[in-house]
N, C-alpha and C. Protein backbone atom coordinates (compact mmCIF):
# COMPACT_ATOMS: atom_id res chain seq x y z
N UNK A 1 44.34 -8.09 9.74
CA UNK A 1 43.93 -7.24 9.80
C UNK A 1 42.49 -7.85 8.92
N UNK A 2 42.50 -8.10 7.60
CA UNK A 2 41.13 -8.66 7.22
C UNK A 2 40.41 -9.75 7.87
N UNK A 3 41.16 -10.25 8.45
CA UNK A 3 39.98 -11.29 9.36
C UNK A 3 38.91 -10.06 10.49
N UNK A 4 39.70 -9.07 11.03
CA UNK A 4 38.87 -8.12 12.35
C UNK A 4 37.60 -7.59 10.73
N UNK A 5 37.85 -7.40 9.73
CA UNK A 5 37.53 -6.32 8.92
C UNK A 5 36.05 -6.91 8.57
N UNK A 6 36.04 -8.32 7.90
CA UNK A 6 35.01 -9.40 7.16
C UNK A 6 33.78 -8.99 8.92
N UNK A 7 33.88 -9.72 10.31
CA UNK A 7 33.16 -9.67 10.81
C UNK A 7 32.77 -8.27 10.88
N UNK A 8 33.24 -7.07 11.11
CA UNK A 8 32.76 -5.68 11.45
C UNK A 8 31.97 -5.13 10.45
N UNK A 9 31.96 -5.60 9.03
CA UNK A 9 31.22 -5.40 7.92
C UNK A 9 29.95 -6.28 8.14
N UNK A 10 29.56 -7.55 8.58
CA UNK A 10 28.87 -8.53 8.67
C UNK A 10 27.92 -7.55 9.72
N UNK A 11 28.76 -7.31 10.66
CA UNK A 11 27.80 -7.11 12.34
C UNK A 11 27.52 -5.37 11.89
N UNK A 12 27.99 -4.79 11.08
CA UNK A 12 27.09 -3.61 10.69
C UNK A 12 25.94 -3.28 9.67
N UNK A 13 26.32 -4.65 9.03
CA UNK A 13 24.96 -4.69 7.90
C UNK A 13 23.68 -4.78 8.72
N UNK A 14 24.48 -6.42 10.03
CA UNK A 14 22.71 -6.77 10.82
C UNK A 14 22.50 -6.03 11.87
N UNK A 15 23.01 -4.76 12.06
CA UNK A 15 22.77 -3.54 13.02
C UNK A 15 21.88 -2.64 12.24
N UNK A 16 22.03 -2.29 10.55
CA UNK A 16 21.89 -0.86 10.21
C UNK A 16 20.15 -1.56 10.01
N UNK A 17 19.51 -0.34 10.39
CA UNK A 17 18.04 -0.37 10.26
C UNK A 17 17.70 -1.01 8.84
N UNK A 18 16.11 -1.38 8.45
CA UNK A 18 16.33 -1.96 7.34
C UNK A 18 15.59 -1.09 6.79
N UNK A 19 15.78 -1.24 5.13
CA UNK A 19 15.21 -0.07 4.89
C UNK A 19 13.92 -0.48 3.85
N UNK A 20 12.73 0.26 3.44
CA UNK A 20 12.13 -0.52 2.57
C UNK A 20 11.93 -1.02 1.07
N UNK A 21 11.93 -1.99 0.76
CA UNK A 21 12.05 -2.61 -0.47
C UNK A 21 11.76 -1.67 -1.49
N UNK A 22 10.79 -0.77 -1.43
CA UNK A 22 10.18 -0.04 -2.13
C UNK A 22 10.22 1.56 -1.80
N UNK A 23 10.51 2.13 -2.03
CA UNK A 23 10.51 3.83 -1.66
C UNK A 23 9.50 4.86 -2.75
N UNK A 24 8.91 5.29 -2.20
CA UNK A 24 7.96 6.72 -3.09
C UNK A 24 9.17 7.28 -4.02
N UNK A 25 9.44 7.10 -5.27
CA UNK A 25 10.02 8.07 -6.12
C UNK A 25 9.23 8.33 -7.43
N UNK A 26 9.40 9.66 -7.55
CA UNK A 26 9.06 10.13 -9.47
C UNK A 26 8.77 9.56 -9.93
N UNK A 27 9.51 8.22 -10.00
CA UNK A 27 9.45 7.00 -11.47
C UNK A 27 7.98 5.65 -11.17
N UNK A 28 8.04 5.77 -9.63
CA UNK A 28 7.12 5.01 -8.80
C UNK A 28 5.68 5.33 -9.09
N UNK A 29 6.18 6.91 -9.00
CA UNK A 29 4.44 7.87 -8.83
C UNK A 29 3.48 7.53 -10.15
N UNK A 30 5.04 7.79 -11.17
CA UNK A 30 4.58 7.86 -12.80
C UNK A 30 4.01 6.70 -13.19
N UNK A 31 4.53 5.50 -12.65
CA UNK A 31 3.85 4.01 -12.55
C UNK A 31 2.35 3.93 -12.58
N UNK A 32 2.26 4.42 -11.28
CA UNK A 32 1.48 4.51 -10.23
C UNK A 32 0.05 4.78 -11.36
N UNK A 33 0.26 6.67 -11.55
CA UNK A 33 -0.50 7.20 -12.74
C UNK A 33 -1.10 6.54 -14.05
N UNK A 34 0.05 5.94 -13.90
CA UNK A 34 0.13 5.24 -15.64
C UNK A 34 -0.99 4.53 -15.65
N UNK A 35 -0.75 3.10 -14.10
CA UNK A 35 -1.94 1.77 -14.37
C UNK A 35 -3.26 1.97 -13.80
N UNK A 36 -3.26 2.76 -12.86
CA UNK A 36 -4.69 3.31 -12.27
C UNK A 36 -5.41 3.52 -13.21
N UNK A 37 -5.90 3.96 -14.56
CA UNK A 37 -6.85 4.01 -15.16
C UNK A 37 -7.28 3.14 -15.72
N UNK A 38 -5.69 2.10 -16.17
CA UNK A 38 -6.46 1.09 -16.83
C UNK A 38 -6.95 -0.79 -16.09
N UNK A 39 -6.27 -0.29 -14.62
CA UNK A 39 -7.14 -0.91 -13.58
C UNK A 39 -8.32 -1.01 -13.15
N UNK A 40 -8.55 0.57 -13.09
CA UNK A 40 -9.84 0.61 -12.66
C UNK A 40 -11.05 0.26 -14.11
N UNK A 41 -10.66 0.03 -15.44
CA UNK A 41 -11.16 0.20 -16.66
C UNK A 41 -11.33 -1.76 -16.51
N UNK A 42 -9.92 -2.32 -16.19
CA UNK A 42 -9.99 -4.06 -16.06
C UNK A 42 -11.37 -4.63 -14.85
N UNK A 43 -10.99 -3.70 -13.87
CA UNK A 43 -11.85 -4.02 -13.10
C UNK A 43 -13.52 -4.10 -13.30
N UNK A 44 -13.82 -2.65 -14.20
CA UNK A 44 -15.22 -2.47 -14.51
C UNK A 44 -15.60 -3.78 -15.32
N UNK A 45 -14.57 -4.57 -16.02
CA UNK A 45 -15.08 -5.38 -17.18
C UNK A 45 -15.13 -6.33 -16.27
N UNK A 46 -15.28 -6.74 -15.25
CA UNK A 46 -15.64 -8.26 -14.82
C UNK A 46 -16.31 -7.81 -13.21
N UNK A 47 -17.65 -8.21 -13.67
CA UNK A 47 -18.70 -7.76 -12.36
C UNK A 47 -19.03 -8.88 -11.42
N UNK A 48 -17.81 -9.70 -11.70
CA UNK A 48 -17.62 -10.98 -10.72
C UNK A 48 -16.88 -10.47 -9.25
N UNK A 49 -15.83 -9.72 -9.64
CA UNK A 49 -14.93 -9.41 -8.95
C UNK A 49 -15.29 -8.77 -7.32
N UNK A 50 -14.69 -9.92 -6.46
CA UNK A 50 -15.20 -9.27 -5.18
C UNK A 50 -14.52 -8.30 -4.97
N UNK A 51 -15.62 -7.35 -4.00
CA UNK A 51 -15.37 -6.33 -3.35
C UNK A 51 -14.66 -6.18 -1.51
N UNK A 52 -13.86 -6.85 -1.96
CA UNK A 52 -13.12 -7.79 -0.25
C UNK A 52 -13.16 -6.37 0.14
N UNK A 53 -13.06 -6.28 0.80
CA UNK A 53 -12.63 -5.25 2.20
C UNK A 53 -10.72 -5.91 2.73
N UNK A 54 -9.99 -4.45 2.76
CA UNK A 54 -8.31 -4.84 2.68
C UNK A 54 -8.12 -4.93 4.30
N UNK A 55 -8.27 -6.28 4.12
CA UNK A 55 -7.66 -6.68 6.24
C UNK A 55 -5.82 -7.26 6.07
N UNK A 56 -5.14 -6.35 6.12
CA UNK A 56 -3.90 -6.55 6.24
C UNK A 56 -3.22 -6.91 7.58
N UNK A 57 -2.16 -8.12 7.08
CA UNK A 57 -1.80 -8.60 8.72
C UNK A 57 -0.78 -7.47 9.18
N UNK A 58 -0.07 -7.65 10.43
CA UNK A 58 0.48 -6.75 11.18
C UNK A 58 1.64 -7.27 10.79
N UNK A 59 2.20 -6.60 9.60
CA UNK A 59 3.13 -7.01 9.23
C UNK A 59 4.09 -5.93 7.88
N UNK A 60 5.05 -6.03 7.63
CA UNK A 60 5.49 -5.01 6.08
C UNK A 60 6.18 -5.53 5.07
N UNK A 61 5.99 -7.34 5.38
CA UNK A 61 6.36 -8.28 4.09
C UNK A 61 5.11 -8.18 2.81
N UNK A 62 5.26 -7.08 1.96
CA UNK A 62 3.88 -7.04 1.14
C UNK A 62 3.88 -8.01 0.37
N UNK A 63 4.77 -8.74 0.06
CA UNK A 63 4.09 -9.92 -0.55
C UNK A 63 3.56 -10.79 0.30
N UNK A 64 3.59 -10.87 1.11
CA UNK A 64 2.69 -11.90 1.67
C UNK A 64 1.44 -11.12 1.93
N UNK A 65 1.42 -9.88 2.19
CA UNK A 65 0.14 -9.27 2.50
C UNK A 65 -0.40 -9.62 1.16
N UNK A 66 0.11 -9.21 -0.35
CA UNK A 66 -0.37 -9.46 -1.67
C UNK A 66 -0.78 -11.19 -1.88
N UNK A 67 -0.13 -12.01 -1.50
CA UNK A 67 -0.55 -13.45 -1.55
C UNK A 67 -1.70 -13.58 -0.63
N UNK A 68 -1.68 -12.78 0.77
CA UNK A 68 -3.09 -13.10 1.28
C UNK A 68 -4.13 -12.56 0.42
N UNK A 69 -4.43 -11.47 0.40
CA UNK A 69 -5.56 -10.93 -0.62
C UNK A 69 -5.77 -11.63 -1.70
N UNK A 70 -4.70 -12.07 -2.28
CA UNK A 70 -4.73 -12.48 -3.52
C UNK A 70 -5.76 -13.84 -3.48
N UNK A 71 -5.20 -14.64 -2.55
CA UNK A 71 -6.27 -15.37 -1.79
C UNK A 71 -7.20 -15.61 -1.84
N UNK A 72 -7.92 -14.49 -1.00
CA UNK A 72 -9.48 -13.94 -1.09
C UNK A 72 -9.91 -13.80 -2.59
N UNK A 73 -9.47 -13.51 -3.36
CA UNK A 73 -9.90 -12.95 -4.35
C UNK A 73 -10.38 -14.50 -5.01
N UNK A 74 -11.81 -14.61 -5.33
CA UNK A 74 -12.32 -15.99 -6.28
C UNK A 74 -11.70 -15.75 -7.89
N UNK A 75 -11.94 -14.71 -8.63
CA UNK A 75 -11.61 -14.75 -9.85
C UNK A 75 -10.16 -14.42 -9.87
N UNK A 76 -9.66 -15.64 -10.65
CA UNK A 76 -8.20 -15.97 -10.79
C UNK A 76 -7.98 -15.22 -12.22
N UNK A 77 -9.02 -15.58 -13.25
CA UNK A 77 -8.79 -14.67 -14.39
C UNK A 77 -8.11 -12.98 -14.26
N UNK A 78 -9.45 -12.32 -13.70
CA UNK A 78 -9.19 -11.45 -12.96
C UNK A 78 -7.82 -10.78 -12.50
N UNK A 79 -7.32 -11.52 -11.75
CA UNK A 79 -6.10 -11.59 -10.78
C UNK A 79 -4.84 -11.68 -11.96
N UNK A 80 -4.64 -12.64 -12.47
CA UNK A 80 -3.93 -12.89 -13.76
C UNK A 80 -3.90 -11.83 -14.66
N UNK A 81 -5.10 -11.16 -15.08
CA UNK A 81 -4.64 -9.86 -16.05
C UNK A 81 -4.56 -8.62 -15.35
N UNK A 82 -4.62 -8.44 -13.66
CA UNK A 82 -4.33 -7.33 -13.21
C UNK A 82 -2.90 -7.70 -13.18
N UNK A 83 -2.26 -8.43 -12.52
CA UNK A 83 -1.03 -9.24 -12.43
C UNK A 83 0.01 -8.64 -13.89
N UNK A 84 -0.73 -9.21 -14.99
CA UNK A 84 0.15 -8.81 -15.95
C UNK A 84 -0.13 -6.94 -16.34
N UNK A 85 -0.96 -6.77 -16.36
CA UNK A 85 -1.39 -5.38 -16.40
C UNK A 85 -0.02 -4.53 -15.62
N UNK A 86 -0.17 -4.86 -14.59
CA UNK A 86 1.50 -4.36 -13.67
C UNK A 86 2.68 -4.58 -13.92
N UNK A 87 3.11 -5.97 -14.54
CA UNK A 87 4.38 -6.03 -14.75
C UNK A 87 4.29 -5.15 -16.02
N UNK A 88 3.25 -5.27 -17.02
CA UNK A 88 3.42 -4.44 -18.76
C UNK A 88 3.70 -2.98 -18.19
N UNK A 89 3.53 -2.54 -16.59
CA UNK A 89 3.84 -1.46 -16.76
C UNK A 89 5.35 -0.99 -15.67
N UNK A 90 5.65 -1.84 -15.13
CA UNK A 90 6.74 -1.84 -14.55
C UNK A 90 7.08 -2.15 -13.03
N UNK A 91 5.81 -2.90 -12.69
CA UNK A 91 5.47 -3.14 -11.18
C UNK A 91 4.90 -4.47 -10.93
N UNK A 92 5.71 -5.11 -10.04
CA UNK A 92 5.10 -6.11 -9.54
C UNK A 92 3.78 -5.57 -8.08
N UNK A 93 2.97 -6.96 -8.31
CA UNK A 93 1.63 -6.71 -7.69
C UNK A 93 2.15 -6.09 -5.93
N UNK A 94 2.89 -6.71 -5.26
CA UNK A 94 3.45 -6.28 -4.05
C UNK A 94 4.14 -5.39 -3.97
N UNK A 95 4.67 -4.23 -4.84
CA UNK A 95 5.27 -3.12 -4.68
C UNK A 95 4.46 -2.03 -4.83
N UNK A 96 2.77 -2.44 -6.36
CA UNK A 96 1.88 -1.87 -6.69
C UNK A 96 1.20 -1.75 -5.01
N UNK A 97 1.00 -2.86 -4.37
CA UNK A 97 0.28 -2.48 -3.06
C UNK A 97 0.86 -2.16 -1.68
N UNK A 98 2.02 -2.07 -1.67
CA UNK A 98 2.96 -0.99 -0.87
C UNK A 98 3.38 0.41 -1.51
N UNK A 99 3.44 0.86 -2.39
CA UNK A 99 3.24 1.78 -3.40
C UNK A 99 2.06 2.63 -2.80
N UNK A 100 0.90 1.99 -3.04
CA UNK A 100 -0.46 2.63 -3.13
C UNK A 100 -0.99 3.14 -2.18
N UNK A 101 -0.45 2.13 -0.52
CA UNK A 101 -0.93 1.95 0.59
C UNK A 101 0.08 3.20 1.53
N UNK A 102 0.95 3.63 0.89
CA UNK A 102 1.77 4.40 1.41
C UNK A 102 1.58 5.31 0.78
N UNK A 103 1.41 5.60 -0.45
CA UNK A 103 1.18 7.11 -0.93
C UNK A 103 -0.60 7.57 -0.49
N UNK A 104 -1.33 6.61 0.33
CA UNK A 104 -2.37 6.94 0.51
C UNK A 104 -2.40 7.35 2.18
N UNK A 105 -1.16 6.97 2.48
CA UNK A 105 -1.00 6.94 4.38
C UNK A 105 -1.94 8.53 4.99
N UNK A 106 -1.29 9.74 3.93
CA UNK A 106 -1.71 11.39 4.40
C UNK A 106 -3.30 11.15 4.38
N UNK A 107 -4.15 10.25 3.69
CA UNK A 107 -5.40 10.54 3.25
C UNK A 107 -6.35 9.91 4.32
N UNK A 108 -5.30 8.33 4.42
CA UNK A 108 -6.10 7.82 5.93
C UNK A 108 -5.66 8.55 6.60
N UNK A 109 -4.70 8.90 7.43
CA UNK A 109 -4.44 9.60 8.54
C UNK A 109 -6.55 10.53 8.87
N UNK A 110 -5.94 11.47 7.79
CA UNK A 110 -7.05 12.12 7.39
C UNK A 110 -8.93 11.37 8.13
N UNK A 111 -8.88 10.31 6.87
CA UNK A 111 -10.17 9.79 7.47
C UNK A 111 -9.75 9.09 8.64
N UNK A 112 -9.32 8.87 8.94
CA UNK A 112 -9.36 8.32 10.60
C UNK A 112 -9.93 9.00 11.57
N UNK A 113 -9.44 9.96 11.49
CA UNK A 113 -9.63 11.01 12.37
C UNK A 113 -10.76 11.76 11.99
N UNK A 114 -11.65 11.91 10.98
CA UNK A 114 -12.93 11.78 10.71
C UNK A 114 -13.84 10.94 11.11
N UNK A 115 -13.75 9.98 10.91
CA UNK A 115 -14.67 9.01 11.43
C UNK A 115 -14.41 8.41 13.13
N UNK A 116 -13.11 9.31 13.39
CA UNK A 116 -13.26 9.32 15.13
C UNK A 116 -14.23 9.96 15.55
N UNK A 117 -14.29 11.39 14.99
CA UNK A 117 -14.93 12.40 15.05
C UNK A 117 -16.53 12.30 15.15
N UNK A 118 -16.88 11.56 13.72
CA UNK A 118 -18.25 10.50 13.37
C UNK A 118 -18.65 9.81 14.62
N UNK A 119 -18.03 8.96 15.20
CA UNK A 119 -18.09 7.95 16.04
C UNK A 119 -18.23 8.22 16.96
N UNK A 120 -18.18 9.81 17.59
CA UNK A 120 -18.64 10.34 18.81
C UNK A 120 -19.68 10.68 19.08
N UNK A 121 -20.08 11.58 17.71
CA UNK A 121 -21.36 12.03 17.60
C UNK A 121 -22.81 10.81 17.23
N UNK A 122 -22.36 9.44 16.01
CA UNK A 122 -22.96 8.40 15.70
C UNK A 122 -21.95 7.37 16.50
N UNK A 123 -22.24 6.77 17.06
CA UNK A 123 -21.52 5.91 17.43
C UNK A 123 -22.35 4.40 17.03
N UNK A 124 -23.48 4.08 16.89
CA UNK A 124 -24.50 3.34 16.21
C UNK A 124 -23.45 2.68 14.84
N UNK A 125 -22.39 1.61 14.39
CA UNK A 125 -22.28 1.58 13.51
C UNK A 125 -20.86 1.69 13.14
N UNK A 126 -20.58 3.21 13.55
CA UNK A 126 -19.62 3.42 13.23
C UNK A 126 -18.08 2.88 13.97
N UNK A 127 -18.18 1.66 14.88
CA UNK A 127 -17.11 1.19 15.92
C UNK A 127 -16.85 0.05 14.59
N UNK A 128 -16.97 -0.87 14.05
CA UNK A 128 -16.55 -1.16 13.36
C UNK A 128 -15.76 -0.65 11.77
N UNK A 129 -16.31 0.43 11.13
CA UNK A 129 -15.41 0.94 10.26
C UNK A 129 -13.99 1.71 10.57
N UNK A 130 -14.49 2.08 12.47
CA UNK A 130 -13.28 2.65 12.82
C UNK A 130 -12.60 2.18 13.12
N UNK A 131 -12.79 0.79 13.61
CA UNK A 131 -11.76 -0.27 13.92
C UNK A 131 -11.38 -1.06 12.77
N UNK A 132 -11.69 -0.59 11.58
CA UNK A 132 -11.18 -1.47 10.12
C UNK A 132 -10.26 -0.46 9.84
N UNK A 133 -10.49 1.01 9.84
CA UNK A 133 -9.44 2.15 9.45
C UNK A 133 -8.70 1.93 10.32
N UNK A 134 -8.65 2.04 11.52
CA UNK A 134 -7.54 2.18 12.41
C UNK A 134 -6.61 0.96 12.17
N UNK A 135 -6.76 -0.46 12.06
CA UNK A 135 -6.24 -1.62 11.75
C UNK A 135 -4.91 -1.35 10.43
N UNK A 136 -5.81 -0.81 9.52
CA UNK A 136 -5.32 -0.60 8.18
C UNK A 136 -4.38 0.52 7.97
N UNK A 137 -4.96 1.73 9.06
CA UNK A 137 -3.90 2.54 9.26
C UNK A 137 -2.58 2.57 10.24
N UNK A 138 -2.51 1.43 11.25
CA UNK A 138 -1.72 1.15 11.89
C UNK A 138 -0.76 0.20 10.99
N UNK A 139 -0.99 -0.57 10.61
CA UNK A 139 0.07 -1.55 9.67
C UNK A 139 0.56 -0.71 8.89
N UNK A 140 0.11 0.25 8.11
CA UNK A 140 0.72 1.17 7.31
C UNK A 140 1.80 1.88 8.01
N UNK A 141 1.03 2.54 8.96
CA UNK A 141 2.04 3.37 10.22
C UNK A 141 3.49 3.30 10.33
N UNK A 142 2.88 1.08 10.65
CA UNK A 142 4.50 0.39 11.53
C UNK A 142 5.42 0.47 10.20
N UNK A 143 4.98 0.61 8.92
CA UNK A 143 5.63 0.69 7.58
C UNK A 143 6.15 1.48 6.82
N UNK A 144 5.88 2.80 7.55
CA UNK A 144 6.63 4.03 6.60
C UNK A 144 8.02 4.17 7.49
N UNK A 145 8.67 4.64 6.60
CA UNK A 145 10.08 4.26 6.53
C UNK A 145 10.21 6.40 6.76
N UNK A 146 11.61 6.75 7.59
CA UNK A 146 11.59 7.93 6.88
C UNK A 146 12.10 8.28 5.96
N UNK A 147 12.58 7.77 5.35
CA UNK A 147 12.28 7.80 3.39
C UNK A 147 11.14 8.23 2.82
N UNK A 148 10.45 7.01 3.05
CA UNK A 148 8.89 7.60 2.82
C UNK A 148 8.62 8.46 3.06
N UNK A 149 8.45 8.93 4.38
CA UNK A 149 7.92 10.41 4.43
C UNK A 149 8.43 11.60 4.42
N UNK A 150 9.84 11.46 3.87
CA UNK A 150 10.72 12.67 3.24
C UNK A 150 9.98 12.60 1.37
N UNK A 151 9.56 11.38 1.09
CA UNK A 151 9.22 11.23 -0.31
C UNK A 151 8.09 11.76 -0.44
N UNK A 152 6.85 11.32 0.96
CA UNK A 152 5.54 12.02 0.94
C UNK A 152 5.33 13.25 1.02
N UNK A 153 6.65 14.49 1.64
CA UNK A 153 6.27 15.45 1.91
C UNK A 153 6.76 16.62 0.39
N UNK A 154 7.62 15.78 0.11
CA UNK A 154 8.26 16.19 -1.35
C UNK A 154 7.22 15.82 -2.50
N UNK A 155 6.00 14.82 -2.51
CA UNK A 155 5.71 14.43 -3.86
C UNK A 155 4.09 14.40 -3.35
N UNK A 156 3.98 15.14 -2.48
CA UNK A 156 2.61 14.98 -1.95
C UNK A 156 1.58 15.77 -2.97
N UNK A 157 1.93 17.30 -3.22
CA UNK A 157 0.77 17.71 -4.28
C UNK A 157 0.83 16.75 -5.75
N UNK A 158 1.49 15.76 -5.90
CA UNK A 158 1.64 15.14 -7.57
C UNK A 158 0.64 13.92 -6.88
N UNK A 159 1.26 13.45 -5.45
CA UNK A 159 0.18 12.56 -4.99
C UNK A 159 -1.14 12.39 -5.03
N UNK A 160 -1.68 13.42 -4.60
CA UNK A 160 -2.75 14.10 -4.50
C UNK A 160 -3.63 13.76 -5.51
N UNK A 161 -2.85 14.19 -6.60
CA UNK A 161 -3.92 14.46 -8.09
C UNK A 161 -4.41 13.27 -8.35
N UNK A 162 -3.48 12.14 -8.18
CA UNK A 162 -4.63 10.56 -8.36
C UNK A 162 -5.09 10.06 -7.24
N UNK A 163 -5.45 10.53 -6.12
CA UNK A 163 -5.66 9.73 -4.62
C UNK A 163 -6.86 8.98 -4.93
N UNK A 164 -8.02 9.53 -5.66
CA UNK A 164 -9.18 9.18 -5.53
C UNK A 164 -9.63 8.30 -6.63
N UNK A 165 -8.33 7.78 -7.42
CA UNK A 165 -8.10 6.49 -8.43
C UNK A 165 -7.65 5.36 -7.76
N UNK A 166 -6.85 5.78 -6.69
CA UNK A 166 -6.10 4.88 -5.75
C UNK A 166 -7.25 3.76 -5.14
N UNK A 167 -7.90 4.50 -4.62
CA UNK A 167 -8.72 3.65 -3.29
C UNK A 167 -9.52 2.41 -4.69
N UNK A 168 -9.95 3.25 -5.79
CA UNK A 168 -10.33 2.14 -6.81
C UNK A 168 -9.92 1.03 -6.68
N UNK A 169 -8.45 1.52 -7.31
CA UNK A 169 -7.66 0.31 -7.77
C UNK A 169 -7.44 -0.61 -6.14
N UNK A 170 -7.20 -0.40 -5.58
CA UNK A 170 -6.62 -0.78 -4.00
C UNK A 170 -7.82 -2.23 -3.68
N UNK A 171 -9.27 -1.53 -4.25
CA UNK A 171 -10.21 -2.98 -3.24
C UNK A 171 -10.20 -3.96 -3.74
């Protein structure tokens, strides 16, 4: 009997849908709200920080996404200070990236719709912005779990309060 139990359990583990490493919670939201103004202040102290466009790869490995974005940043001192600040507030850079993008997902969907309408009326120059927005939204949408959606529904009003600061901190 014991011999059958172990393969069945292993089979169930491998067949179960994978859950996000980081789910949007009250505690994570509080951490994000605490760290955003600090990140904004840090960013303003560095004039040479690249204002890079966020180009994510088509996967949900947030550590790998962060490493890719980090490699694009020329100012390693700034990156080190950001990582220290996040750690002091109980966040890893990958968790911060995942959480802020997932929390921004509803707003990004609305932005995408607005860009699509603008592109219809003023197609000149809008195609590139629309494509970049679409690519970003596709990655996040593919990574949003049911747990994330439920948390977003539950916490939407609290999330919207710092949303303007999120886009500054994620740049």
